[in-house]
C-alpha atoms as a PDB file:
ATOM      1  CA  MET A   1      10.352  -3.412  -2.915  1.00  0.00           C
ATOM      2  CA  GLN A   2      12.400  -4.366  -5.933  1.00  0.00           C
ATOM      3  CA  GLU A   3      12.830  -2.060  -8.881  1.00  0.00           C
ATOM      4  CA  ASP A   4      10.335  -4.125 -10.898  1.00  0.00           C
ATOM      5  CA  GLY A   5       7.628  -3.427  -8.272  1.00  0.00           C
ATOM      6  CA  ASN A   6       7.543  -6.894  -6.676  1.00  0.00           C
ATOM      7  CA  MET A   7       7.442  -7.059  -2.884  1.00  0.00           C
ATOM      8  CA  GLU A   8       9.741  -9.573  -1.260  1.00  0.00           C
ATOM      9  CA  GLU A   9       8.575  -9.349   2.371  1.00  0.00           C
ATOM     10  CA  GLY A  10       6.540 -12.281   3.664  1.00  0.00           C
ATOM     11  CA  ASN A  11       4.291 -13.991   1.141  1.00  0.00           C
ATOM     12  CA  ILE A  12       3.259 -10.783  -0.584  1.00  0.00           C
ATOM     13  CA  ARG A  13       4.039 -11.274  -4.234  1.00  0.00           C
ATOM     14  CA  PRO A  14       1.756 -10.279  -7.080  1.00  0.00           C
ATOM     15  CA  THR A  15       0.309 -13.059  -9.220  1.00  0.00           C
ATOM     16  CA  GLY A  16      -1.007 -12.831 -12.766  1.00  0.00           C
ATOM     17  CA  SER A  17      -4.520 -12.424 -11.321  1.00  0.00           C
ATOM     18  CA  GLY A  18      -3.712  -9.136  -9.578  1.00  0.00           C
ATOM     19  CA  TYR A  19      -4.075 -10.708  -6.121  1.00  0.00           C
ATOM     20  CA  SER A  20      -1.138 -11.575  -3.875  1.00  0.00           C
ATOM     21  CA  LYS A  21      -0.347 -15.228  -3.191  1.00  0.00           C
ATOM     22  CA  LYS A  22      -1.406 -14.697   0.435  1.00  0.00           C
ATOM     23  CA  ALA A  23      -4.828 -13.302  -0.589  1.00  0.00           C
ATOM     24  CA  LEU A  24      -5.374 -16.252  -2.942  1.00  0.00           C
ATOM     25  CA  GLU A  25      -4.364 -18.682  -0.189  1.00  0.00           C
ATOM     26  CA  TYR A  26      -6.959 -17.160   2.198  1.00  0.00           C
ATOM     27  CA  PHE A  27      -9.597 -17.383  -0.558  1.00  0.00           C
ATOM     28  CA  LYS A  28      -8.819 -21.024  -1.367  1.00  0.00           C
ATOM     29  CA  HIS A  29      -8.497 -22.110   2.285  1.00  0.00           C
ATOM     30  CA  PRO A  30     -10.704 -19.848   4.440  1.00  0.00           C
ATOM     31  CA  LYS A  31     -10.487 -19.949   8.229  1.00  0.00           C
ATOM     32  CA  PHE A  32     -13.131 -19.316  10.864  1.00  0.00           C
ATOM     33  CA  VAL A  33     -16.139 -20.225   8.706  1.00  0.00           C
ATOM     34  CA  GLY A  34     -19.332 -21.993   9.668  1.00  0.00           C
ATOM     35  CA  GLU A  35     -22.191 -21.467  12.045  1.00  0.00           C
ATOM     36  CA  ILE A  36     -22.116 -20.785  15.783  1.00  0.00           C
ATOM     37  CA  ASN A  37     -24.583 -22.743  17.903  1.00  0.00           C
ATOM     38  CA  ASN A  38     -26.837 -20.515  20.032  1.00  0.00           C
ATOM     39  CA  PRO A  39     -25.308 -17.127  19.097  1.00  0.00           C
ATOM     40  CA  ASP A  40     -26.220 -13.969  21.023  1.00  0.00           C
ATOM     41  CA  GLY A  41     -27.092 -12.215  17.772  1.00  0.00           C
ATOM     42  CA  ILE A  42     -27.175 -12.741  14.004  1.00  0.00           C
ATOM     43  CA  GLY A  43     -26.692 -10.209  11.220  1.00  0.00           C
ATOM     44  CA  LYS A  44     -27.320 -10.734   7.527  1.00  0.00           C
ATOM     45  CA  VAL A  45     -25.805  -8.442   4.926  1.00  0.00           C
ATOM     46  CA  GLY A  46     -25.362  -8.566   1.177  1.00  0.00           C
ATOM     47  CA  ASN A  47     -27.295  -8.817  -2.035  1.00  0.00           C
ATOM     48  CA  PRO A  48     -29.173 -12.107  -2.545  1.00  0.00           C
ATOM     49  CA  VAL A  49     -29.763 -11.242  -6.210  1.00  0.00           C
ATOM     50  CA  CYS A  50     -26.082 -11.768  -7.028  1.00  0.00           C
ATOM     51  CA  GLY A  51     -25.592 -14.477  -4.384  1.00  0.00           C
ATOM     52  CA  ASP A  52     -23.352 -12.324  -2.205  1.00  0.00           C
ATOM     53  CA  VAL A  53     -24.842 -12.764   1.277  1.00  0.00           C
ATOM     54  CA  MET A  54     -22.941 -13.004   4.566  1.00  0.00           C
ATOM     55  CA  HIS A  55     -24.309 -14.043   7.950  1.00  0.00           C
ATOM     56  CA  ILE A  56     -22.499 -12.535  10.934  1.00  0.00           C
ATOM     57  CA  TYR A  57     -22.752 -14.211  14.345  1.00  0.00           C
END
């Protein structure tokens, strides 16, 4: 870590938003999303009132 608090290792560098560049990259370009055909089980978690619902297969 540099004296100014910035991390140099990998892609971990703070942005003006408070999130690292790597976290923003994962948010903008998610991986492993979608539905699984014929899953063994399905879970649903979250709060539909605020639109924050996640289905887990």
